[in-house]
Every structure is written in C-alpha cells, then in structure tokens.
N, C-alpha and C. Protein backbone atom coordinates (compact mmCIF):
# COMPACT_ATOMS: atom_id res chain seq x y z
N UNK A 1 5.85 -6.73 20.23
CA UNK A 1 5.76 -6.54 18.78
C UNK A 1 4.28 -6.47 18.40
N UNK A 2 3.91 -5.50 17.57
CA UNK A 2 2.50 -5.33 17.21
C UNK A 2 2.12 -6.19 16.01
N UNK A 3 0.82 -6.24 15.74
CA UNK A 3 0.28 -7.09 14.65
C UNK A 3 0.88 -6.74 13.31
N UNK A 4 1.13 -5.45 13.05
CA UNK A 4 1.66 -5.04 11.75
C UNK A 4 3.05 -5.64 11.53
N UNK A 5 3.89 -5.57 12.52
CA UNK A 5 5.24 -6.12 12.38
C UNK A 5 5.20 -7.64 12.21
N UNK A 6 4.27 -8.30 12.89
CA UNK A 6 4.11 -9.74 12.73
C UNK A 6 3.68 -10.05 11.29
N UNK A 7 2.75 -9.26 10.76
CA UNK A 7 2.27 -9.44 9.39
C UNK A 7 3.41 -9.24 8.39
N UNK A 8 4.17 -8.18 8.57
CA UNK A 8 5.29 -7.89 7.66
C UNK A 8 6.33 -9.00 7.71
N UNK A 9 6.67 -9.44 8.90
CA UNK A 9 7.65 -10.51 9.05
C UNK A 9 7.13 -11.82 8.44
N UNK A 10 5.86 -12.13 8.66
CA UNK A 10 5.27 -13.35 8.10
C UNK A 10 5.31 -13.31 6.57
N UNK A 11 5.04 -12.16 5.98
CA UNK A 11 5.09 -12.03 4.52
C UNK A 11 6.50 -12.23 3.99
N UNK A 12 7.49 -11.65 4.67
CA UNK A 12 8.89 -11.84 4.25
C UNK A 12 9.28 -13.31 4.32
N UNK A 13 8.88 -13.95 5.40
CA UNK A 13 9.21 -15.37 5.55
C UNK A 13 8.49 -16.22 4.51
N UNK A 14 7.23 -15.90 4.23
CA UNK A 14 6.48 -16.62 3.19
C UNK A 14 7.19 -16.48 1.85
N UNK A 15 7.57 -15.29 1.50
CA UNK A 15 8.29 -15.01 0.25
C UNK A 15 9.53 -15.89 0.18
N UNK A 16 10.34 -15.91 1.23
CA UNK A 16 11.58 -16.68 1.23
C UNK A 16 11.31 -18.18 1.16
N UNK A 17 10.32 -18.67 1.90
CA UNK A 17 10.00 -20.10 1.90
C UNK A 17 9.54 -20.54 0.51
N UNK A 18 8.68 -19.76 -0.12
CA UNK A 18 8.20 -20.10 -1.47
C UNK A 18 9.37 -20.15 -2.44
N UNK A 19 10.25 -19.16 -2.39
CA UNK A 19 11.40 -19.13 -3.30
C UNK A 19 12.29 -20.35 -3.09
N UNK A 20 12.60 -20.64 -1.85
CA UNK A 20 13.49 -21.78 -1.56
C UNK A 20 12.84 -23.11 -1.93
N UNK A 21 11.57 -23.27 -1.63
CA UNK A 21 10.87 -24.51 -1.97
C UNK A 21 10.83 -24.71 -3.49
N UNK A 22 10.44 -23.66 -4.21
CA UNK A 22 10.32 -23.78 -5.67
C UNK A 22 11.70 -23.94 -6.32
N UNK A 23 12.73 -23.35 -5.74
CA UNK A 23 14.08 -23.51 -6.26
C UNK A 23 14.49 -24.99 -6.19
N UNK A 24 14.13 -25.63 -5.10
CA UNK A 24 14.49 -27.04 -4.92
C UNK A 24 13.66 -27.97 -5.80
N UNK A 25 12.52 -27.50 -6.29
CA UNK A 25 11.66 -28.29 -7.17
C UNK A 25 12.09 -28.20 -8.63
N UNK A 26 12.91 -27.20 -8.93
CA UNK A 26 13.33 -26.94 -10.30
C UNK A 26 14.65 -27.63 -10.59
N UNK A 27 14.80 -28.19 -11.79
CA UNK A 27 16.09 -28.79 -12.15
C UNK A 27 17.20 -27.75 -12.10
N UNK A 28 18.35 -28.16 -11.68
CA UNK A 28 19.49 -27.24 -11.56
C UNK A 28 19.88 -26.68 -12.92
N UNK A 29 20.24 -25.41 -12.91
CA UNK A 29 20.68 -24.77 -14.15
C UNK A 29 22.20 -24.74 -14.24
N UNK A 30 22.83 -24.95 -13.11
CA UNK A 30 24.29 -24.94 -13.11
C UNK A 30 24.77 -26.33 -12.74
N UNK A 31 25.96 -26.64 -13.14
CA UNK A 31 26.51 -27.96 -12.88
C UNK A 31 26.81 -28.11 -11.39
N UNK A 32 26.24 -29.16 -10.73
CA UNK A 32 26.54 -29.36 -9.31
C UNK A 32 28.03 -29.57 -9.11
N UNK A 33 28.54 -29.02 -8.04
CA UNK A 33 29.96 -29.17 -7.74
C UNK A 33 30.84 -28.15 -8.43
N UNK A 34 30.28 -27.39 -9.35
CA UNK A 34 31.06 -26.37 -10.06
C UNK A 34 31.35 -25.22 -9.08
N UNK A 35 32.61 -24.80 -8.96
CA UNK A 35 32.93 -23.74 -8.01
C UNK A 35 32.27 -22.42 -8.40
N UNK A 36 31.80 -21.69 -7.38
CA UNK A 36 31.15 -20.40 -7.62
C UNK A 36 32.21 -19.32 -7.77
N UNK A 37 31.93 -18.37 -8.64
CA UNK A 37 32.83 -17.24 -8.81
C UNK A 37 32.70 -16.30 -7.61
N UNK A 38 33.66 -15.43 -7.46
CA UNK A 38 33.63 -14.46 -6.37
C UNK A 38 32.41 -13.56 -6.48
N UNK A 39 32.04 -13.15 -7.69
CA UNK A 39 30.88 -12.27 -7.85
C UNK A 39 29.59 -12.97 -7.43
N UNK A 40 29.45 -14.26 -7.73
CA UNK A 40 28.27 -15.02 -7.31
C UNK A 40 28.23 -15.11 -5.80
N UNK A 41 29.37 -15.38 -5.18
CA UNK A 41 29.42 -15.44 -3.72
C UNK A 41 29.07 -14.10 -3.09
N UNK A 42 29.54 -13.02 -3.69
CA UNK A 42 29.23 -11.68 -3.18
C UNK A 42 27.74 -11.36 -3.31
N UNK A 43 27.15 -11.71 -4.44
CA UNK A 43 25.72 -11.46 -4.64
C UNK A 43 24.90 -12.24 -3.62
N UNK A 44 25.25 -13.51 -3.41
CA UNK A 44 24.54 -14.32 -2.42
C UNK A 44 24.68 -13.74 -1.02
N UNK A 45 25.89 -13.32 -0.68
CA UNK A 45 26.13 -12.73 0.64
C UNK A 45 25.33 -11.44 0.80
N UNK A 46 25.29 -10.62 -0.25
CA UNK A 46 24.53 -9.38 -0.20
C UNK A 46 23.04 -9.64 -0.03
N UNK A 47 22.52 -10.63 -0.75
CA UNK A 47 21.11 -10.98 -0.62
C UNK A 47 20.77 -11.42 0.81
N UNK A 48 21.65 -12.23 1.40
CA UNK A 48 21.43 -12.69 2.78
C UNK A 48 21.51 -11.52 3.75
N UNK A 49 22.49 -10.64 3.55
CA UNK A 49 22.65 -9.48 4.44
C UNK A 49 21.42 -8.57 4.37
N UNK A 50 20.92 -8.34 3.17
CA UNK A 50 19.73 -7.49 3.02
C UNK A 50 18.53 -8.14 3.70
N UNK A 51 18.32 -9.43 3.48
CA UNK A 51 17.21 -10.14 4.10
C UNK A 51 17.31 -10.07 5.63
N UNK A 52 18.49 -10.35 6.18
CA UNK A 52 18.66 -10.30 7.63
C UNK A 52 18.45 -8.89 8.17
N UNK A 53 18.92 -7.89 7.44
CA UNK A 53 18.70 -6.50 7.85
C UNK A 53 17.23 -6.12 7.86
N UNK A 54 16.51 -6.55 6.85
CA UNK A 54 15.07 -6.25 6.78
C UNK A 54 14.32 -6.97 7.89
N UNK A 55 14.68 -8.23 8.14
CA UNK A 55 14.04 -8.97 9.23
C UNK A 55 14.31 -8.28 10.56
N UNK A 56 15.56 -7.89 10.78
CA UNK A 56 15.91 -7.19 12.02
C UNK A 56 15.12 -5.89 12.14
N UNK A 57 14.97 -5.19 11.04
CA UNK A 57 14.24 -3.93 11.06
C UNK A 57 12.78 -4.14 11.46
N UNK A 58 12.18 -5.24 11.02
CA UNK A 58 10.78 -5.49 11.39
C UNK A 58 10.64 -5.83 12.87
N UNK A 59 11.72 -6.30 13.48
CA UNK A 59 11.67 -6.69 14.89
C UNK A 59 11.99 -5.54 15.84
N UNK A 60 12.59 -4.48 15.33
CA UNK A 60 13.02 -3.36 16.16
C UNK A 60 12.01 -2.21 16.12
N UNK A 61 12.10 -1.30 17.10
CA UNK A 61 11.26 -0.09 17.02
C UNK A 61 11.61 0.71 15.76
N UNK A 62 10.78 1.69 15.43
CA UNK A 62 11.00 2.49 14.22
C UNK A 62 12.44 2.98 14.13
N UNK A 63 13.04 2.76 12.96
CA UNK A 63 14.40 3.20 12.68
C UNK A 63 14.30 4.38 11.72
N UNK A 64 14.88 5.50 12.09
CA UNK A 64 14.82 6.72 11.29
C UNK A 64 13.37 7.05 10.93
N UNK A 65 12.51 7.28 11.94
CA UNK A 65 11.09 7.50 11.66
C UNK A 65 10.81 8.75 10.82
N UNK A 66 9.85 8.60 9.92
CA UNK A 66 9.45 9.71 9.05
C UNK A 66 8.49 10.64 9.79
N UNK A 67 7.48 10.06 10.43
CA UNK A 67 6.42 10.86 11.05
C UNK A 67 6.22 10.46 12.51
N UNK A 68 5.77 11.43 13.31
CA UNK A 68 5.48 11.13 14.71
C UNK A 68 4.14 10.42 14.84
N UNK A 69 3.23 10.67 13.90
CA UNK A 69 1.94 9.95 13.87
C UNK A 69 1.83 9.29 12.49
N UNK A 70 2.39 8.08 12.35
CA UNK A 70 2.55 7.46 11.03
C UNK A 70 1.36 6.61 10.56
N UNK A 71 0.18 6.80 11.13
CA UNK A 71 -0.94 5.92 10.80
C UNK A 71 -1.18 5.83 9.29
N UNK A 72 -1.28 6.96 8.61
CA UNK A 72 -1.57 6.94 7.16
C UNK A 72 -0.41 6.33 6.38
N UNK A 73 0.82 6.59 6.82
CA UNK A 73 1.99 5.97 6.17
C UNK A 73 1.94 4.45 6.32
N UNK A 74 1.60 4.01 7.51
CA UNK A 74 1.55 2.57 7.77
C UNK A 74 0.45 1.90 6.94
N UNK A 75 -0.68 2.56 6.80
CA UNK A 75 -1.77 2.00 5.99
C UNK A 75 -1.36 1.92 4.53
N UNK A 76 -0.84 3.03 3.99
CA UNK A 76 -0.40 3.04 2.59
C UNK A 76 0.72 2.02 2.37
N UNK A 77 1.66 1.97 3.29
CA UNK A 77 2.76 1.02 3.17
C UNK A 77 2.29 -0.42 3.21
N UNK A 78 1.35 -0.71 4.08
CA UNK A 78 0.83 -2.08 4.18
C UNK A 78 0.11 -2.49 2.91
N UNK A 79 -0.63 -1.56 2.32
CA UNK A 79 -1.32 -1.85 1.05
C UNK A 79 -0.30 -2.14 -0.05
N UNK A 80 0.72 -1.29 -0.17
CA UNK A 80 1.76 -1.51 -1.18
C UNK A 80 2.51 -2.81 -0.93
N UNK A 81 2.86 -3.06 0.32
CA UNK A 81 3.57 -4.29 0.69
C UNK A 81 2.76 -5.52 0.30
N UNK A 82 1.48 -5.50 0.63
CA UNK A 82 0.61 -6.63 0.32
C UNK A 82 0.49 -6.84 -1.18
N UNK A 83 0.32 -5.75 -1.92
CA UNK A 83 0.23 -5.86 -3.38
C UNK A 83 1.53 -6.40 -3.95
N UNK A 84 2.66 -5.88 -3.50
CA UNK A 84 3.96 -6.36 -3.97
C UNK A 84 4.17 -7.83 -3.67
N UNK A 85 3.81 -8.25 -2.46
CA UNK A 85 3.96 -9.65 -2.08
C UNK A 85 3.08 -10.55 -2.94
N UNK A 86 1.83 -10.15 -3.14
CA UNK A 86 0.90 -10.95 -3.95
C UNK A 86 1.38 -11.07 -5.40
N UNK A 87 1.83 -9.97 -5.97
CA UNK A 87 2.31 -9.99 -7.36
C UNK A 87 3.58 -10.83 -7.47
N UNK A 88 4.51 -10.68 -6.52
CA UNK A 88 5.75 -11.45 -6.57
C UNK A 88 5.46 -12.95 -6.48
N UNK A 89 4.58 -13.34 -5.58
CA UNK A 89 4.25 -14.76 -5.43
C UNK A 89 3.55 -15.30 -6.68
N UNK A 90 2.59 -14.53 -7.20
CA UNK A 90 1.88 -14.97 -8.41
C UNK A 90 2.85 -15.11 -9.58
N UNK A 91 3.73 -14.14 -9.74
CA UNK A 91 4.70 -14.18 -10.85
C UNK A 91 5.66 -15.34 -10.68
N UNK A 92 6.06 -15.61 -9.46
CA UNK A 92 6.99 -16.73 -9.22
C UNK A 92 6.34 -18.06 -9.59
N UNK A 93 5.06 -18.23 -9.21
CA UNK A 93 4.35 -19.46 -9.57
C UNK A 93 4.15 -19.54 -11.09
N UNK A 94 3.84 -18.41 -11.74
CA UNK A 94 3.63 -18.42 -13.18
C UNK A 94 4.93 -18.73 -13.93
N UNK A 95 6.04 -18.30 -13.42
CA UNK A 95 7.32 -18.56 -14.07
C UNK A 95 7.74 -20.01 -13.92
N UNK A 96 7.33 -20.63 -12.82
CA UNK A 96 7.59 -22.06 -12.61
C UNK A 96 9.05 -22.42 -12.71
N UNK A 97 9.35 -23.45 -13.49
CA UNK A 97 10.72 -23.95 -13.58
C UNK A 97 11.61 -23.11 -14.49
N UNK A 98 11.07 -22.06 -15.07
CA UNK A 98 11.88 -21.17 -15.91
C UNK A 98 12.65 -20.15 -15.08
N UNK A 99 12.42 -20.13 -13.77
CA UNK A 99 13.04 -19.14 -12.88
C UNK A 99 14.44 -19.56 -12.49
N UNK A 100 15.33 -18.57 -12.36
CA UNK A 100 16.68 -18.79 -11.86
C UNK A 100 17.02 -17.69 -10.87
N UNK A 101 17.90 -18.01 -9.91
CA UNK A 101 18.41 -16.99 -9.01
C UNK A 101 19.10 -15.91 -9.82
N UNK A 102 19.10 -14.71 -9.33
CA UNK A 102 19.69 -13.57 -10.02
C UNK A 102 21.17 -13.82 -10.34
N UNK A 103 21.86 -14.54 -9.47
CA UNK A 103 23.28 -14.77 -9.70
C UNK A 103 23.56 -15.90 -10.69
N UNK A 104 22.54 -16.63 -11.10
CA UNK A 104 22.72 -17.73 -12.07
C UNK A 104 22.17 -17.35 -13.44
N UNK A 105 22.53 -16.19 -13.92
CA UNK A 105 22.01 -15.70 -15.18
C UNK A 105 22.47 -16.60 -16.33
N UNK A 106 21.58 -17.47 -16.74
CA UNK A 106 21.84 -18.40 -17.83
C UNK A 106 20.49 -18.84 -18.38
N UNK A 107 20.51 -19.65 -19.41
CA UNK A 107 19.28 -20.19 -19.96
C UNK A 107 19.30 -21.70 -19.76
N UNK A 108 18.22 -22.22 -19.21
CA UNK A 108 18.12 -23.67 -19.00
C UNK A 108 17.89 -24.37 -20.33
N UNK A 109 18.21 -25.65 -20.38
CA UNK A 109 18.09 -26.39 -21.64
C UNK A 109 16.65 -26.44 -22.14
N UNK A 110 15.68 -26.51 -21.27
CA UNK A 110 14.26 -26.59 -21.68
C UNK A 110 13.49 -25.31 -21.36
N UNK A 111 14.19 -24.23 -21.16
CA UNK A 111 13.54 -22.98 -20.80
C UNK A 111 12.69 -22.47 -21.96
N UNK A 112 11.56 -21.88 -21.61
CA UNK A 112 10.65 -21.31 -22.60
C UNK A 112 10.29 -19.89 -22.20
N UNK A 113 9.84 -19.11 -23.16
CA UNK A 113 9.33 -17.78 -22.86
C UNK A 113 7.98 -17.96 -22.17
N UNK A 114 7.85 -17.33 -21.02
CA UNK A 114 6.57 -17.35 -20.30
C UNK A 114 5.87 -16.04 -20.64
N UNK A 115 4.73 -16.14 -21.31
CA UNK A 115 4.02 -14.93 -21.74
C UNK A 115 2.54 -14.96 -21.35
N UNK A 116 2.23 -15.68 -20.29
CA UNK A 116 0.86 -15.75 -19.80
C UNK A 116 0.79 -15.06 -18.44
N UNK A 117 -0.43 -14.81 -17.99
CA UNK A 117 -0.61 -14.17 -16.68
C UNK A 117 0.03 -12.79 -16.67
N UNK A 118 0.69 -12.50 -15.58
CA UNK A 118 1.36 -11.21 -15.42
C UNK A 118 2.42 -11.00 -16.49
N UNK A 119 3.05 -12.10 -16.90
CA UNK A 119 4.11 -12.01 -17.92
C UNK A 119 3.56 -11.65 -19.30
N UNK A 120 2.27 -11.66 -19.48
CA UNK A 120 1.67 -11.21 -20.72
C UNK A 120 1.68 -9.69 -20.84
N UNK A 121 1.98 -9.01 -19.71
CA UNK A 121 1.97 -7.56 -19.69
C UNK A 121 3.35 -6.96 -19.42
N UNK A 122 4.10 -7.58 -18.51
CA UNK A 122 5.44 -7.07 -18.20
C UNK A 122 6.43 -8.22 -18.12
N UNK A 123 7.68 -7.90 -18.45
CA UNK A 123 8.73 -8.91 -18.51
C UNK A 123 9.36 -9.21 -17.15
N UNK A 124 9.28 -8.28 -16.22
CA UNK A 124 9.96 -8.45 -14.93
C UNK A 124 9.02 -8.18 -13.76
N UNK A 125 7.93 -8.93 -13.65
CA UNK A 125 7.00 -8.66 -12.54
C UNK A 125 7.58 -8.95 -11.17
N UNK A 126 8.52 -9.88 -11.07
CA UNK A 126 9.10 -10.16 -9.75
C UNK A 126 9.96 -8.98 -9.30
N UNK A 127 10.77 -8.44 -10.18
CA UNK A 127 11.56 -7.26 -9.81
C UNK A 127 10.65 -6.10 -9.43
N UNK A 128 9.64 -5.87 -10.24
CA UNK A 128 8.70 -4.78 -9.96
C UNK A 128 8.03 -5.00 -8.62
N UNK A 129 7.52 -6.21 -8.41
CA UNK A 129 6.79 -6.51 -7.18
C UNK A 129 7.70 -6.43 -5.96
N UNK A 130 8.92 -6.90 -6.08
CA UNK A 130 9.82 -6.83 -4.93
C UNK A 130 10.16 -5.39 -4.57
N UNK A 131 10.30 -4.53 -5.56
CA UNK A 131 10.51 -3.11 -5.26
C UNK A 131 9.29 -2.50 -4.58
N UNK A 132 8.10 -2.84 -5.06
CA UNK A 132 6.87 -2.35 -4.43
C UNK A 132 6.77 -2.88 -3.00
N UNK A 133 7.07 -4.17 -2.82
CA UNK A 133 7.03 -4.79 -1.50
C UNK A 133 7.98 -4.06 -0.55
N UNK A 134 9.21 -3.84 -0.97
CA UNK A 134 10.20 -3.18 -0.11
C UNK A 134 9.84 -1.72 0.17
N UNK A 135 9.34 -1.03 -0.84
CA UNK A 135 8.90 0.36 -0.66
C UNK A 135 7.77 0.40 0.37
N UNK A 136 6.79 -0.49 0.21
CA UNK A 136 5.67 -0.56 1.15
C UNK A 136 6.13 -0.94 2.55
N UNK A 137 7.06 -1.87 2.63
CA UNK A 137 7.59 -2.29 3.93
C UNK A 137 8.18 -1.10 4.67
N UNK A 138 9.03 -0.33 3.99
CA UNK A 138 9.67 0.81 4.64
C UNK A 138 8.65 1.88 5.04
N UNK A 139 7.63 2.09 4.21
CA UNK A 139 6.58 3.03 4.61
C UNK A 139 5.81 2.51 5.81
N UNK A 140 5.48 1.22 5.79
CA UNK A 140 4.74 0.62 6.91
C UNK A 140 5.56 0.68 8.20
N UNK A 141 6.87 0.61 8.07
CA UNK A 141 7.75 0.71 9.23
C UNK A 141 8.10 2.16 9.56
N UNK A 142 7.50 3.11 8.82
CA UNK A 142 7.69 4.53 9.09
C UNK A 142 9.17 4.90 9.04
N UNK A 143 9.87 4.45 8.00
CA UNK A 143 11.32 4.63 7.97
C UNK A 143 11.78 5.43 6.75
N UNK A 144 12.71 6.33 7.01
CA UNK A 144 13.33 7.07 5.92
C UNK A 144 14.17 6.16 5.04
N UNK A 145 14.38 4.92 5.46
CA UNK A 145 15.11 3.96 4.62
C UNK A 145 14.34 3.67 3.32
N UNK A 146 13.13 4.18 3.21
CA UNK A 146 12.36 4.06 1.98
C UNK A 146 13.16 4.62 0.80
N UNK A 147 14.00 5.62 1.07
CA UNK A 147 14.81 6.19 -0.01
C UNK A 147 15.87 5.20 -0.50
N UNK A 148 16.23 4.24 0.33
CA UNK A 148 17.15 3.19 -0.11
C UNK A 148 16.56 2.36 -1.23
N UNK A 149 15.24 2.21 -1.22
CA UNK A 149 14.57 1.45 -2.28
C UNK A 149 14.63 2.24 -3.58
N UNK A 150 14.49 3.54 -3.50
CA UNK A 150 14.61 4.39 -4.68
C UNK A 150 16.02 4.25 -5.27
N UNK A 151 17.02 4.16 -4.41
CA UNK A 151 18.40 3.99 -4.88
C UNK A 151 18.64 2.59 -5.45
N UNK A 152 17.86 1.62 -5.01
CA UNK A 152 17.99 0.24 -5.49
C UNK A 152 17.40 0.08 -6.91
N UNK A 153 16.44 0.91 -7.25
CA UNK A 153 15.74 0.79 -8.54
C UNK A 153 16.68 0.81 -9.75
N UNK A 154 17.68 1.71 -9.82
CA UNK A 154 18.58 1.67 -10.99
C UNK A 154 19.36 0.36 -11.10
N UNK A 155 19.75 -0.22 -9.98
CA UNK A 155 20.45 -1.51 -10.02
C UNK A 155 19.54 -2.60 -10.56
N UNK A 156 18.28 -2.55 -10.20
CA UNK A 156 17.30 -3.52 -10.70
C UNK A 156 17.12 -3.33 -12.21
N UNK A 157 17.03 -2.09 -12.65
CA UNK A 157 16.90 -1.79 -14.08
C UNK A 157 18.09 -2.35 -14.85
N UNK A 158 19.29 -2.11 -14.36
CA UNK A 158 20.49 -2.62 -15.05
C UNK A 158 20.50 -4.15 -15.10
N UNK A 159 20.09 -4.80 -14.01
CA UNK A 159 20.03 -6.26 -14.01
C UNK A 159 19.01 -6.75 -15.03
N UNK A 160 17.86 -6.10 -15.10
CA UNK A 160 16.83 -6.49 -16.06
C UNK A 160 17.34 -6.34 -17.49
N UNK A 161 18.05 -5.26 -17.77
CA UNK A 161 18.61 -5.05 -19.12
C UNK A 161 19.64 -6.13 -19.45
N UNK A 162 20.51 -6.47 -18.50
CA UNK A 162 21.49 -7.54 -18.72
C UNK A 162 20.79 -8.87 -19.02
N UNK A 163 19.77 -9.18 -18.23
CA UNK A 163 19.04 -10.43 -18.46
C UNK A 163 18.37 -10.44 -19.83
N UNK A 164 17.77 -9.33 -20.21
CA UNK A 164 17.09 -9.26 -21.50
C UNK A 164 18.06 -9.46 -22.65
N UNK A 165 19.24 -8.86 -22.56
CA UNK A 165 20.24 -9.03 -23.63
C UNK A 165 20.64 -10.49 -23.75
N UNK A 166 20.88 -11.13 -22.62
CA UNK A 166 21.27 -12.54 -22.62
C UNK A 166 20.14 -13.42 -23.15
N UNK A 167 18.91 -13.16 -22.72
CA UNK A 167 17.77 -13.98 -23.17
C UNK A 167 17.47 -13.75 -24.65
N UNK A 168 17.64 -12.54 -25.15
CA UNK A 168 17.38 -12.26 -26.56
C UNK A 168 18.30 -13.07 -27.46
N UNK A 169 19.52 -13.32 -27.00
CA UNK A 169 20.49 -14.08 -27.78
C UNK A 169 20.27 -15.58 -27.61
N UNK A 170 19.86 -16.01 -26.41
CA UNK A 170 19.85 -17.43 -26.07
C UNK A 170 18.49 -18.12 -26.06
N UNK A 171 17.41 -17.36 -26.01
CA UNK A 171 16.09 -17.96 -25.84
C UNK A 171 15.20 -17.65 -27.05
N UNK A 172 14.88 -18.66 -27.84
CA UNK A 172 14.04 -18.42 -29.02
C UNK A 172 12.71 -17.78 -28.65
N UNK A 173 12.35 -16.73 -29.38
CA UNK A 173 11.08 -16.05 -29.17
C UNK A 173 11.13 -14.91 -28.17
N UNK A 174 12.26 -14.72 -27.50
CA UNK A 174 12.32 -13.69 -26.46
C UNK A 174 12.29 -12.28 -27.04
N UNK A 175 12.97 -12.07 -28.16
CA UNK A 175 12.95 -10.73 -28.78
C UNK A 175 11.53 -10.32 -29.16
N UNK A 176 10.80 -11.24 -29.74
CA UNK A 176 9.40 -10.98 -30.11
C UNK A 176 8.57 -10.68 -28.87
N UNK A 177 8.81 -11.42 -27.80
CA UNK A 177 8.12 -11.20 -26.53
C UNK A 177 8.39 -9.79 -26.01
N UNK A 178 9.63 -9.33 -26.12
CA UNK A 178 10.00 -7.98 -25.67
C UNK A 178 9.25 -6.90 -26.44
N UNK A 179 8.98 -7.15 -27.72
CA UNK A 179 8.27 -6.17 -28.53
C UNK A 179 6.79 -6.09 -28.15
N UNK A 180 6.25 -7.16 -27.56
CA UNK A 180 4.83 -7.20 -27.19
C UNK A 180 4.56 -6.73 -25.76
N UNK A 181 5.60 -6.62 -24.93
CA UNK A 181 5.39 -6.33 -23.52
C UNK A 181 6.24 -5.16 -23.06
N UNK A 182 5.89 -4.63 -21.90
CA UNK A 182 6.69 -3.58 -21.27
C UNK A 182 7.61 -4.22 -20.24
N UNK A 183 8.60 -3.49 -19.81
CA UNK A 183 9.60 -4.05 -18.90
C UNK A 183 9.07 -4.14 -17.47
N UNK A 184 8.50 -3.06 -16.93
CA UNK A 184 8.12 -3.03 -15.52
C UNK A 184 6.67 -2.64 -15.23
N UNK A 185 6.12 -1.74 -16.02
CA UNK A 185 4.78 -1.23 -15.75
C UNK A 185 3.91 -1.49 -16.98
N UNK A 186 2.81 -2.26 -16.82
CA UNK A 186 1.98 -2.58 -17.98
C UNK A 186 1.57 -1.33 -18.76
N UNK A 187 1.70 -1.41 -20.09
CA UNK A 187 1.29 -0.37 -21.04
C UNK A 187 2.09 0.93 -20.92
N UNK A 188 3.08 1.01 -20.02
CA UNK A 188 3.78 2.27 -19.78
C UNK A 188 5.28 2.14 -20.03
N UNK A 189 5.96 1.35 -19.22
CA UNK A 189 7.43 1.27 -19.32
C UNK A 189 7.96 -0.11 -19.08
C-alpha cells in the first residue's frame, strides 16, 4: 500500500473517531432504550456499508480507473480530500453539542443556532465538506466512482432541506439565520 492510500485511510479513520468521540461527549437527544424505527436502522446500516466500502476501496488497487497515468488526478483529489476533511472537522468542532446524527433529526432541549466560524457563511458545512472529501477521495483513487458522489449530492440537498424545515419550526432564530447565510457555498448557494 502506498503513502497516498495510507493518508486517505488515516483521514477517514480520523473523521470517524472524531465523530464517535464527540457524539459520546454530547448529551443524548433521544430517549435511551427507545426502540429505533426501521428507517433509522436502515440509515445506520447504509452509513456503515458506505464507510466499509470506502475503506475497502482505499485498501485495494484502483477500481474502475479513470486514467492510465493518474498523477494529476491524484494530486487534485488529494487537495480536495484534505480541504473537505479539514472543513468537516472544523465545522464539527464549531457545532459542538448542537450536532446530531443524520438519523436523529430532532432539536435538543438546549440547542442553539450556531452562526460563528464556518456557520457564519453556510448552514451545512459538514454536508458540503463531506461531499468534497468523497469527491477528492475518488479522484485520488483514480476511480470512476467519483460519479457516485455526483449522484449523492441530490440526496444531501433533500436532507438539508428537511432539516431546515424542521429547525425553522423548532429552533428560535433559525429562520433569521437562513436569511443571512447560504446553504452550501458561501455567497453563492
């Protein structure tokens, strides 16, 4: 395994460790012992399957290679991957205890609008960063699976819209925050 694959794998593991550690530091948003719905179980299973698939992909030779000499793709992909990882981690730390797993879409009792740092410009920096990270990963791995990330983007957009609707109703100040910020790209969209 070459240095690039080690770097990509280490970044994925860092991302997962930070998320799991911070999740355990945050007060629970759902009642312990409450049975999970089938949709929550499916989302969790899908998240695990995607993570395991991506980890496996970093350990294997190029899958569906784009180019026979992928040096420039690997460089561009590594830059995007690194930027996505850095933004996702920074946004996760800035969100702090206001963060919830995607399948636990609810509002915590003491949740507040976070509008500092990256959140002062966009409402969903973690979604944006994770898409950039995955896009960069697939380019760095020289894989046509990069188009899978393009197909994932509409699902992320729909999830963001669902979250915004729920937060606008349940979280004081969220509607005003939406008027001051963009959804995914600062000053653009």
